[in-house]
Amino acid sequence: MALTQTSIIDEITINLNGVILYRTNNVVMDGDKQIAQGYVRNSIVPGSDLTEQPANVVAIANVVWTSEVITNYQAEIAAQTAKQTTMVA
Protein backbone atom coordinates (compact mmCIF):
# COMPACT_ATOMS: atom_id res chain seq x y z
CA MET A 1 0.00 0.00 0.00
CA ALA A 2 1.01 3.57 -0.55
CA LEU A 3 1.75 5.90 2.31
CA THR A 4 -0.25 9.13 2.40
CA GLN A 5 -0.13 12.07 4.74
CA THR A 6 -3.02 14.37 5.52
CA SER A 7 -2.61 17.67 7.34
CA ILE A 8 -5.56 19.68 8.59
CA ILE A 9 -5.86 22.60 10.96
CA ASP A 10 -8.24 21.23 13.55
CA GLU A 11 -8.06 23.91 16.23
CA ILE A 12 -7.84 27.71 16.12
CA THR A 13 -7.90 29.88 19.23
CA ILE A 14 -7.79 33.66 19.51
CA ASN A 15 -6.50 35.16 22.75
CA LEU A 16 -7.92 38.38 24.14
CA ASN A 17 -4.82 40.28 23.01
CA GLY A 18 -5.29 39.08 19.41
CA VAL A 19 -2.67 36.32 19.35
CA ILE A 20 -3.85 33.47 17.11
CA LEU A 21 -2.92 29.92 18.10
CA TYR A 22 -3.57 27.02 15.77
CA ARG A 23 -2.92 23.29 15.71
CA THR A 24 -2.24 21.17 12.64
CA ASN A 25 -3.14 17.48 12.86
CA ASN A 26 -0.84 15.36 10.68
CA VAL A 27 -1.98 11.79 9.95
CA VAL A 28 0.04 9.17 8.05
CA MET A 29 -1.95 6.33 6.49
CA ASP A 30 -0.80 3.07 4.97
CA GLY A 31 -3.78 2.26 2.81
CA ASP A 32 -6.74 2.20 5.20
CA LYS A 33 -4.59 1.88 8.32
CA GLN A 34 -3.41 4.90 10.33
CA ILE A 35 0.24 4.34 11.23
CA ALA A 36 1.18 7.71 12.72
CA GLN A 37 -0.32 10.93 13.99
CA GLY A 38 1.23 14.09 15.31
CA TYR A 39 0.33 17.66 16.11
CA VAL A 40 2.17 20.87 15.33
CA ARG A 41 1.20 24.01 17.21
CA ASN A 42 1.84 27.51 15.90
CA SER A 43 1.09 31.02 17.03
CA ILE A 44 1.12 34.37 15.31
CA VAL A 45 0.91 37.78 16.91
CA PRO A 46 -1.07 40.80 15.71
CA GLY A 47 0.69 42.53 12.85
CA SER A 48 2.72 39.46 11.79
CA ASP A 49 3.51 38.76 8.16
CA LEU A 50 0.80 36.39 6.93
CA THR A 51 2.53 35.35 3.69
CA GLU A 52 3.34 31.76 4.73
CA GLN A 53 0.23 31.18 6.84
CA PRO A 54 -2.66 28.86 5.91
CA ALA A 55 -5.59 30.54 4.14
CA ASN A 56 -8.09 29.97 6.97
CA VAL A 57 -5.71 31.47 9.52
CA VAL A 58 -5.13 34.49 7.25
CA ALA A 59 -8.90 34.97 6.89
CA ILE A 60 -9.31 35.03 10.67
CA ALA A 61 -6.36 37.38 11.17
CA ASN A 62 -7.77 39.79 8.60
CA VAL A 63 -10.99 40.03 10.63
CA VAL A 64 -9.53 40.01 14.14
CA TRP A 65 -6.46 42.18 13.65
CA THR A 66 -7.96 45.62 13.44
CA SER A 67 -5.58 48.57 13.68
CA GLU A 68 -6.72 48.97 17.30
CA VAL A 69 -5.83 45.34 18.15
CA ILE A 70 -2.40 45.68 16.54
CA THR A 71 -1.70 48.98 18.32
CA ASN A 72 -2.80 47.59 21.70
CA TYR A 73 -0.69 44.45 21.24
CA GLN A 74 2.40 46.49 20.34
CA ALA A 75 1.82 48.73 23.38
CA GLU A 76 1.46 45.65 25.61
CA ILE A 77 4.77 44.24 24.35
CA ALA A 78 6.51 47.61 24.75
CA ALA A 79 5.25 47.88 28.35
CA GLN A 80 6.46 44.34 29.14
CA THR A 81 9.85 45.08 27.61
CA ALA A 82 10.17 48.33 29.58
CA LYS A 83 9.25 46.50 32.79
CA GLN A 84 11.84 43.79 32.16
CA THR A 85 14.50 46.39 31.36
CA THR A 86 13.71 48.23 34.61
CA MET A 87 13.92 44.99 36.61
CA VAL A 88 17.36 44.16 35.14
CA ALA A 89 18.83 47.62 35.66
C-alpha atoms as a PDB file:
ATOM      1  CA  MET A   1       0.000   0.000   0.000  1.00  0.00           C
ATOM      2  CA  ALA A   2       1.006   3.570  -0.551  1.00  0.00           C
ATOM      3  CA  LEU A   3       1.750   5.903   2.311  1.00  0.00           C
ATOM      4  CA  THR A   4      -0.255   9.125   2.400  1.00  0.00           C
ATOM      5  CA  GLN A   5      -0.126  12.072   4.744  1.00  0.00           C
ATOM      6  CA  THR A   6      -3.016  14.368   5.516  1.00  0.00           C
ATOM      7  CA  SER A   7      -2.615  17.668   7.336  1.00  0.00           C
ATOM      8  CA  ILE A   8      -5.557  19.677   8.591  1.00  0.00           C
ATOM      9  CA  ILE A   9      -5.861  22.600  10.964  1.00  0.00           C
ATOM     10  CA  ASP A  10      -8.241  21.231  13.550  1.00  0.00           C
ATOM     11  CA  GLU A  11      -8.058  23.906  16.228  1.00  0.00           C
ATOM     12  CA  ILE A  12      -7.837  27.707  16.123  1.00  0.00           C
ATOM     13  CA  THR A  13      -7.901  29.885  19.232  1.00  0.00           C
ATOM     14  CA  ILE A  14      -7.792  33.659  19.515  1.00  0.00           C
ATOM     15  CA  ASN A  15      -6.496  35.157  22.752  1.00  0.00           C
ATOM     16  CA  LEU A  16      -7.919  38.383  24.144  1.00  0.00           C
ATOM     17  CA  ASN A  17      -4.820  40.280  23.010  1.00  0.00           C
ATOM     18  CA  GLY A  18      -5.294  39.078  19.407  1.00  0.00           C
ATOM     19  CA  VAL A  19      -2.671  36.316  19.354  1.00  0.00           C
ATOM     20  CA  ILE A  20      -3.855  33.473  17.107  1.00  0.00           C
ATOM     21  CA  LEU A  21      -2.918  29.922  18.104  1.00  0.00           C
ATOM     22  CA  TYR A  22      -3.570  27.022  15.771  1.00  0.00           C
ATOM     23  CA  ARG A  23      -2.921  23.289  15.709  1.00  0.00           C
ATOM     24  CA  THR A  24      -2.235  21.166  12.641  1.00  0.00           C
ATOM     25  CA  ASN A  25      -3.144  17.479  12.864  1.00  0.00           C
ATOM     26  CA  ASN A  26      -0.842  15.356  10.676  1.00  0.00           C
ATOM     27  CA  VAL A  27      -1.981  11.789   9.952  1.00  0.00           C
ATOM     28  CA  VAL A  28       0.038   9.170   8.046  1.00  0.00           C
ATOM     29  CA  MET A  29      -1.950   6.331   6.492  1.00  0.00           C
ATOM     30  CA  ASP A  30      -0.796   3.065   4.968  1.00  0.00           C
ATOM     31  CA  GLY A  31      -3.778   2.262   2.807  1.00  0.00           C
ATOM     32  CA  ASP A  32      -6.737   2.199   5.202  1.00  0.00           C
ATOM     33  CA  LYS A  33      -4.590   1.881   8.323  1.00  0.00           C
ATOM     34  CA  GLN A  34      -3.412   4.900  10.330  1.00  0.00           C
ATOM     35  CA  ILE A  35       0.239   4.340  11.227  1.00  0.00           C
ATOM     36  CA  ALA A  36       1.183   7.711  12.725  1.00  0.00           C
ATOM     37  CA  GLN A  37      -0.325  10.929  13.990  1.00  0.00           C
ATOM     38  CA  GLY A  38       1.229  14.087  15.314  1.00  0.00           C
ATOM     39  CA  TYR A  39       0.329  17.656  16.108  1.00  0.00           C
ATOM     40  CA  VAL A  40       2.168  20.869  15.326  1.00  0.00           C
ATOM     41  CA  ARG A  41       1.200  24.011  17.207  1.00  0.00           C
ATOM     42  CA  ASN A  42       1.843  27.507  15.903  1.00  0.00           C
ATOM     43  CA  SER A  43       1.091  31.022  17.032  1.00  0.00           C
ATOM     44  CA  ILE A  44       1.123  34.374  15.309  1.00  0.00           C
ATOM     45  CA  VAL A  45       0.914  37.784  16.911  1.00  0.00           C
ATOM     46  CA  PRO A  46      -1.068  40.798  15.711  1.00  0.00           C
ATOM     47  CA  GLY A  47       0.687  42.525  12.846  1.00  0.00           C
ATOM     48  CA  SER A  48       2.720  39.458  11.794  1.00  0.00           C
ATOM     49  CA  ASP A  49       3.510  38.760   8.155  1.00  0.00           C
ATOM     50  CA  LEU A  50       0.797  36.385   6.926  1.00  0.00           C
ATOM     51  CA  THR A  51       2.535  35.354   3.694  1.00  0.00           C
ATOM     52  CA  GLU A  52       3.336  31.758   4.726  1.00  0.00           C
ATOM     53  CA  GLN A  53       0.231  31.181   6.844  1.00  0.00           C
ATOM     54  CA  PRO A  54      -2.664  28.856   5.907  1.00  0.00           C
ATOM     55  CA  ALA A  55      -5.594  30.536   4.145  1.00  0.00           C
ATOM     56  CA  ASN A  56      -8.093  29.967   6.966  1.00  0.00           C
ATOM     57  CA  VAL A  57      -5.707  31.474   9.522  1.00  0.00           C
ATOM     58  CA  VAL A  58      -5.131  34.487   7.255  1.00  0.00           C
ATOM     59  CA  ALA A  59      -8.895  34.974   6.888  1.00  0.00           C
ATOM     60  CA  ILE A  60      -9.314  35.031  10.670  1.00  0.00           C
ATOM     61  CA  ALA A  61      -6.357  37.379  11.169  1.00  0.00           C
ATOM     62  CA  ASN A  62      -7.773  39.792   8.599  1.00  0.00           C
ATOM     63  CA  VAL A  63     -10.986  40.029  10.628  1.00  0.00           C
ATOM     64  CA  VAL A  64      -9.529  40.012  14.140  1.00  0.00           C
ATOM     65  CA  TRP A  65      -6.458  42.182  13.649  1.00  0.00           C
ATOM     66  CA  THR A  66      -7.962  45.618  13.443  1.00  0.00           C
ATOM     67  CA  SER A  67      -5.585  48.568  13.682  1.00  0.00           C
ATOM     68  CA  GLU A  68      -6.716  48.965  17.300  1.00  0.00           C
ATOM     69  CA  VAL A  69      -5.833  45.338  18.155  1.00  0.00           C
ATOM     70  CA  ILE A  70      -2.398  45.680  16.538  1.00  0.00           C
ATOM     71  CA  THR A  71      -1.697  48.977  18.317  1.00  0.00           C
ATOM     72  CA  ASN A  72      -2.804  47.586  21.695  1.00  0.00           C
ATOM     73  CA  TYR A  73      -0.695  44.455  21.241  1.00  0.00           C
ATOM     74  CA  GLN A  74       2.395  46.487  20.344  1.00  0.00           C
ATOM     75  CA  ALA A  75       1.819  48.725  23.377  1.00  0.00           C
ATOM     76  CA  GLU A  76       1.459  45.650  25.606  1.00  0.00           C
ATOM     77  CA  ILE A  77       4.771  44.242  24.350  1.00  0.00           C
ATOM     78  CA  ALA A  78       6.508  47.611  24.752  1.00  0.00           C
ATOM     79  CA  ALA A  79       5.249  47.878  28.345  1.00  0.00           C
ATOM     80  CA  GLN A  80       6.460  44.344  29.142  1.00  0.00           C
ATOM     81  CA  THR A  81       9.854  45.080  27.613  1.00  0.00           C
ATOM     82  CA  ALA A  82      10.170  48.329  29.580  1.00  0.00           C
ATOM     83  CA  LYS A  83       9.251  46.504  32.785  1.00  0.00           C
ATOM     84  CA  GLN A  84      11.842  43.792  32.158  1.00  0.00           C
ATOM     85  CA  THR A  85      14.496  46.390  31.356  1.00  0.00           C
ATOM     86  CA  THR A  86      13.711  48.227  34.608  1.00  0.00           C
ATOM     87  CA  MET A  87      13.918  44.993  36.607  1.00  0.00           C
ATOM     88  CA  VAL A  88      17.363  44.158  35.143  1.00  0.00           C
ATOM     89  CA  ALA A  89      18.829  47.622  35.659  1.00  0.00           C
END
